[in-house]
């Protein structure tokens, strides 16, 4: 049984790519039991990315993570999902995959390693595991720079469902799934036509599977979200600017976050 991790990183200097967060990201998932050679990170960069790309490669080499070819274009979440779908076709359909963004750190509750979680799912004929996302903030509610190797959870110790409060979007996250399972963009859910919930399972009817599929979920499955860091304001402003020229996939969620940051509403929401 193999377990893979799939993610991406933006390397344009103007987006203030946080390579310290990336260092924490790799450490975290390797400590959870992901073998470095099974980590697949897509690097995106279309201008002013050279220094970040070189540092990115050096980090990977130091942790024995394979380097992937640079995608020389601005990151687009729809295209990156298509890349994921195509990548899954090249691994065994019965293998397990963690699909996550670089600011998502998954906690599998009672399971100390991802392999323990996957073994439980396989034994009980589940094809995935779903949890809830919670945001991690600095104590003073500012957007500080990430330090390394200082403990990331100590730097952002306050947990709040901020994304749910301001965007009111789906905070579910599929945190582990079989490679053949089709996910919605954003990996919030499986692609499905209908579902039924029991105490700790979700049973889905889909168009891509001849039989119903079953996902396990528990309140202890948590996707810790380290979005609220120094580079967020710059990235949102940049995406908003690109949106005016049709260069970005800026959407309503980004617009809400942009407005939220411009009006400095974090303290109002939390307090």
Protein backbone atom coordinates (compact mmCIF):
# COMPACT_ATOMS: atom_id res chain seq x y z
CA UNK A 1 0.00 0.00 0.00
CA UNK A 2 1.50 3.32 -1.13
CA UNK A 3 0.49 6.73 0.17
CA UNK A 4 1.21 9.84 -1.86
CA UNK A 5 0.97 13.56 -1.20
CA UNK A 6 0.02 16.03 -3.95
CA UNK A 7 0.27 19.80 -3.63
CA UNK A 8 1.61 22.92 -5.35
CA UNK A 9 3.60 26.05 -4.57
CA UNK A 10 3.59 29.57 -6.07
CA UNK A 11 7.11 30.88 -6.62
CA UNK A 12 6.70 34.37 -8.12
CA UNK A 13 8.54 36.82 -5.88
CA UNK A 14 5.69 39.33 -6.09
CA UNK A 15 3.43 36.76 -4.43
CA UNK A 16 5.85 36.56 -1.49
CA UNK A 17 5.99 32.78 -1.59
CA UNK A 18 6.57 31.58 1.97
CA UNK A 19 9.34 29.00 1.77
CA UNK A 20 9.55 28.76 5.56
CA UNK A 21 5.95 27.58 5.58
CA UNK A 22 6.95 25.07 2.90
CA UNK A 23 9.75 23.77 5.13
CA UNK A 24 7.23 23.24 7.93
CA UNK A 25 4.83 21.59 5.47
CA UNK A 26 7.37 18.99 4.37
CA UNK A 27 8.54 18.30 7.94
CA UNK A 28 4.96 17.85 9.11
CA UNK A 29 3.91 15.30 6.50
CA UNK A 30 7.20 13.40 6.57
CA UNK A 31 6.75 13.11 10.35
CA UNK A 32 3.25 11.76 9.69
CA UNK A 33 4.86 8.94 7.73
CA UNK A 34 4.79 10.11 4.11
CA UNK A 35 7.89 8.78 2.34
CA UNK A 36 9.69 11.77 0.75
CA UNK A 37 9.90 10.11 -2.68
CA UNK A 38 6.08 9.91 -2.69
CA UNK A 39 5.66 13.67 -2.25
CA UNK A 40 4.71 15.48 -5.48
CA UNK A 41 4.81 19.30 -5.39
CA UNK A 42 3.97 21.29 -8.53
CA UNK A 43 5.94 24.56 -8.72
CA UNK A 44 4.30 27.51 -10.51
CA UNK A 45 6.14 30.62 -11.68
CA UNK A 46 5.85 32.87 -14.70
CA UNK A 47 8.09 35.81 -13.76
CA UNK A 48 10.66 36.77 -11.12
CA UNK A 49 10.71 33.24 -9.74
CA UNK A 50 14.35 32.22 -10.25
CA UNK A 51 15.63 32.75 -6.69
CA UNK A 52 12.59 31.14 -5.11
CA UNK A 53 12.75 28.22 -7.52
CA UNK A 54 16.39 27.58 -6.67
CA UNK A 55 15.66 27.70 -2.94
CA UNK A 56 12.63 25.44 -3.45
CA UNK A 57 14.82 22.88 -5.21
CA UNK A 58 17.44 23.07 -2.46
CA UNK A 59 14.80 22.46 0.22
CA UNK A 60 13.52 19.44 -1.68
CA UNK A 61 17.01 18.03 -2.12
CA UNK A 62 17.76 18.45 1.59
CA UNK A 63 14.63 16.47 2.47
CA UNK A 64 14.94 13.96 -0.42
CA UNK A 65 11.73 15.14 -2.04
CA UNK A 66 11.78 14.79 -5.86
CA UNK A 67 11.95 18.04 -7.79
CA UNK A 68 9.28 18.55 -10.44
CA UNK A 69 9.48 20.57 -13.63
CA UNK A 70 8.46 24.21 -13.25
CA UNK A 71 5.07 25.14 -14.71
CA UNK A 72 5.86 28.51 -16.30
CA UNK A 73 2.52 30.20 -15.80
CA UNK A 74 0.55 31.93 -13.07
CA UNK A 75 -1.11 29.51 -10.65
CA UNK A 76 -4.72 28.69 -11.52
CA UNK A 77 -6.75 26.48 -9.20
CA UNK A 78 -8.81 24.93 -12.00
CA UNK A 79 -5.71 23.99 -14.00
CA UNK A 80 -3.96 22.67 -10.90
CA UNK A 81 -6.94 20.40 -10.25
CA UNK A 82 -6.68 19.11 -13.81
CA UNK A 83 -2.99 18.43 -13.16
CA UNK A 84 -4.00 16.40 -10.09
CA UNK A 85 -6.55 14.37 -12.07
CA UNK A 86 -3.97 13.56 -14.75
CA UNK A 87 -1.33 12.72 -12.15
CA UNK A 88 -3.67 10.24 -10.43
CA UNK A 89 -3.94 8.32 -13.70
CA UNK A 90 -0.24 7.50 -13.46
CA UNK A 91 -0.33 5.80 -10.07
CA UNK A 92 -2.07 2.63 -8.94
CA UNK A 93 -5.79 3.33 -8.56
CA UNK A 94 -5.83 1.44 -5.24
CA UNK A 95 -3.10 3.65 -3.71
CA UNK A 96 -3.94 6.40 -1.23
CA UNK A 97 -3.52 10.13 -1.81
CA UNK A 98 -3.39 13.21 0.39
CA UNK A 99 -4.38 16.21 -1.72
CA UNK A 100 -3.79 19.43 0.13
CA UNK A 101 -2.67 23.01 -0.25
CA UNK A 102 0.60 24.16 1.25
CA UNK A 103 -1.18 25.91 4.13
CA UNK A 104 -3.24 22.83 5.12
CA UNK A 105 -1.85 20.57 7.84
CA UNK A 106 -4.01 17.49 8.41
CA UNK A 107 -4.52 15.89 11.84
CA UNK A 108 -5.85 12.33 11.71
CA UNK A 109 -7.14 12.23 15.26
CA UNK A 110 -6.58 8.88 16.94
CA UNK A 111 -4.17 7.77 14.22
CA UNK A 112 -0.52 8.66 14.84
CA UNK A 113 0.48 8.19 11.20
CA UNK A 114 -1.23 8.43 7.83
CA UNK A 115 -0.52 4.72 7.28
CA UNK A 116 -2.52 3.85 10.41
CA UNK A 117 -5.44 5.88 9.06
CA UNK A 118 -5.20 4.29 5.61
CA UNK A 119 -5.00 0.79 7.12
CA UNK A 120 -8.18 1.47 9.12
CA UNK A 121 -9.98 2.80 6.05
CA UNK A 122 -8.94 -0.13 3.89
CA UNK A 123 -9.88 -2.71 6.52
CA UNK A 124 -13.36 -1.18 6.87
CA UNK A 125 -13.85 -0.63 3.10
CA UNK A 126 -13.88 3.15 3.22
CA UNK A 127 -12.48 4.99 0.20
CA UNK A 128 -11.78 8.27 1.97
CA UNK A 129 -11.57 10.25 5.19
CA UNK A 130 -13.12 13.67 5.69
CA UNK A 131 -12.52 16.30 8.35
CA UNK A 132 -13.21 19.96 9.09
CA UNK A 133 -10.97 22.95 8.46
CA UNK A 134 -10.03 25.33 11.25
CA UNK A 135 -7.89 28.46 10.92
CA UNK A 136 -4.73 29.04 12.94
CA UNK A 137 -3.99 32.63 14.00
CA UNK A 138 -1.30 34.50 15.87
CA UNK A 139 -2.20 35.47 19.43
CA UNK A 140 -2.42 39.16 18.53
CA UNK A 141 -4.51 38.47 15.36
CA UNK A 142 -1.88 40.04 13.09
CA UNK A 143 -0.48 38.40 9.96
CA UNK A 144 3.13 37.65 10.99
CA UNK A 145 5.94 36.15 8.98
CA UNK A 146 6.46 32.42 9.46
CA UNK A 147 9.69 31.46 11.25
CA UNK A 148 11.58 28.20 10.86
CA UNK A 149 12.38 25.90 12.62
CA UNK A 150 10.31 27.33 15.51
CA UNK A 151 7.18 25.28 16.13
CA UNK A 152 4.49 26.46 13.70
CA UNK A 153 1.59 25.73 16.03
CA UNK A 154 3.24 27.83 18.75
CA UNK A 155 3.55 30.72 16.30
CA UNK A 156 -0.16 30.51 15.43
CA UNK A 157 -1.75 29.05 18.59
CA UNK A 158 -5.27 30.45 18.31
CA UNK A 159 -7.77 28.27 16.44
CA UNK A 160 -10.90 29.89 15.00
CA UNK A 161 -13.28 28.94 12.21
CA UNK A 162 -12.48 32.24 10.52
CA UNK A 163 -12.89 31.04 6.94
CA UNK A 164 -16.33 29.70 7.79
CA UNK A 165 -17.31 32.98 9.46
CA UNK A 166 -16.21 35.37 6.73
CA UNK A 167 -16.67 33.35 3.54
CA UNK A 168 -19.39 30.98 4.77
CA UNK A 169 -18.01 28.35 2.43
CA UNK A 170 -17.71 24.60 2.78
CA UNK A 171 -15.09 23.83 5.44
CA UNK A 172 -15.13 20.07 4.85
CA UNK A 173 -11.85 18.64 3.57
CA UNK A 174 -11.23 15.22 2.08
CA UNK A 175 -7.98 14.45 3.90
CA UNK A 176 -7.19 11.03 2.46
CA UNK A 177 -8.68 9.12 -0.47
CA UNK A 178 -8.14 6.32 -2.94
CA UNK A 179 -6.46 7.51 -6.13
CA UNK A 180 -9.47 6.60 -8.28
CA UNK A 181 -11.87 8.71 -6.21
CA UNK A 182 -12.96 11.88 -8.01
CA UNK A 183 -12.77 15.04 -5.90
CA UNK A 184 -14.42 18.40 -6.32
CA UNK A 185 -12.10 21.35 -6.96
CA UNK A 186 -10.76 22.41 -3.58
CA UNK A 187 -11.04 18.80 -2.27
CA UNK A 188 -13.96 19.73 -0.01
CA UNK A 189 -16.04 16.77 -1.18
CA UNK A 190 -16.15 13.83 -3.52
CA UNK A 191 -17.83 14.39 -6.86
CA UNK A 192 -21.32 13.10 -6.12
CA UNK A 193 -24.96 13.26 -7.17
CA UNK A 194 -26.45 12.35 -3.80
CA UNK A 195 -25.36 11.49 -0.27
CA UNK A 196 -26.63 10.10 2.99
CA UNK A 197 -25.04 10.67 6.41
CA UNK A 198 -24.92 8.24 9.31
CA UNK A 199 -23.16 8.74 12.65
CA UNK A 200 -19.59 8.59 11.34
CA UNK A 201 -19.90 7.91 7.61
CA UNK A 202 -20.96 9.63 4.43
CA UNK A 203 -22.42 7.39 1.73
CA UNK A 204 -22.19 8.92 -1.75
CA UNK A 205 -23.95 8.12 -5.01
CA UNK A 206 -21.74 9.16 -7.91
CA UNK A 207 -21.73 9.21 -11.69
CA UNK A 208 -18.20 7.80 -11.92
CA UNK A 209 -18.61 4.72 -9.69
CA UNK A 210 -21.01 1.84 -10.33
CA UNK A 211 -21.54 1.35 -6.61
CA UNK A 212 -21.99 3.71 -3.70
CA UNK A 213 -18.81 4.85 -1.98
CA UNK A 214 -18.33 5.37 1.73
CA UNK A 215 -16.22 8.00 3.50
CA UNK A 216 -15.30 8.02 7.20
CA UNK A 217 -15.46 11.18 9.29
CA UNK A 218 -14.90 12.13 12.93
CA UNK A 219 -14.74 15.45 14.82
CA UNK A 220 -11.11 14.62 15.61
CA UNK A 221 -10.13 14.79 11.92
CA UNK A 222 -8.94 18.38 11.53
CA UNK A 223 -7.40 20.34 8.66
CA UNK A 224 -5.35 23.08 10.33
CA UNK A 225 -5.27 26.10 8.03
CA UNK A 226 -2.26 28.44 8.09
CA UNK A 227 -3.63 30.98 5.63
CA UNK A 228 -3.47 34.03 7.87
CA UNK A 229 0.24 34.85 7.49
CA UNK A 230 2.29 37.79 6.24
CA UNK A 231 2.00 37.14 2.50
CA UNK A 232 -1.80 36.86 2.43
CA UNK A 233 -2.51 40.57 1.94
CA UNK A 234 -0.06 40.87 -0.94
CA UNK A 235 -1.33 37.71 -2.67
CA UNK A 236 -4.96 38.82 -2.43
CA UNK A 237 -4.14 42.30 -3.77
CA UNK A 238 -2.15 40.78 -6.62
CA UNK A 239 -4.92 38.37 -7.55
CA UNK A 240 -7.46 41.18 -7.43
CA UNK A 241 -5.29 43.25 -9.79
CA UNK A 242 -4.83 40.31 -12.16
CA UNK A 243 -8.55 39.70 -12.15
CA UNK A 244 -9.14 43.10 -13.76
CA UNK A 245 -7.10 41.98 -16.77
CA UNK A 246 -8.47 38.44 -16.88
CA UNK A 247 -5.16 36.91 -15.75
CA UNK A 248 -6.32 35.26 -12.58
CA UNK A 249 -8.91 32.87 -11.21
CA UNK A 250 -9.94 35.44 -8.58
CA UNK A 251 -13.38 34.44 -7.30
CA UNK A 252 -16.05 35.57 -4.84
CA UNK A 253 -14.22 33.93 -1.91
CA UNK A 254 -11.09 35.95 -2.70
CA UNK A 255 -13.17 39.11 -3.00
CA UNK A 256 -14.62 38.51 0.47
CA UNK A 257 -11.16 37.93 1.96
CA UNK A 258 -9.87 41.08 0.22
CA UNK A 259 -12.65 43.19 1.69
CA UNK A 260 -12.13 41.59 5.09
CA UNK A 261 -8.40 42.41 5.14
CA UNK A 262 -8.82 45.95 3.81
CA UNK A 263 -11.26 46.77 6.59
CA UNK A 264 -9.16 44.96 9.24
CA UNK A 265 -12.09 42.92 10.51
CA UNK A 266 -10.21 40.07 12.20
CA UNK A 267 -10.52 41.51 15.70
CA UNK A 268 -14.18 42.37 15.14
CA UNK A 269 -15.00 38.82 14.09
CA UNK A 270 -13.05 37.09 16.85
CA UNK A 271 -13.98 39.45 19.67
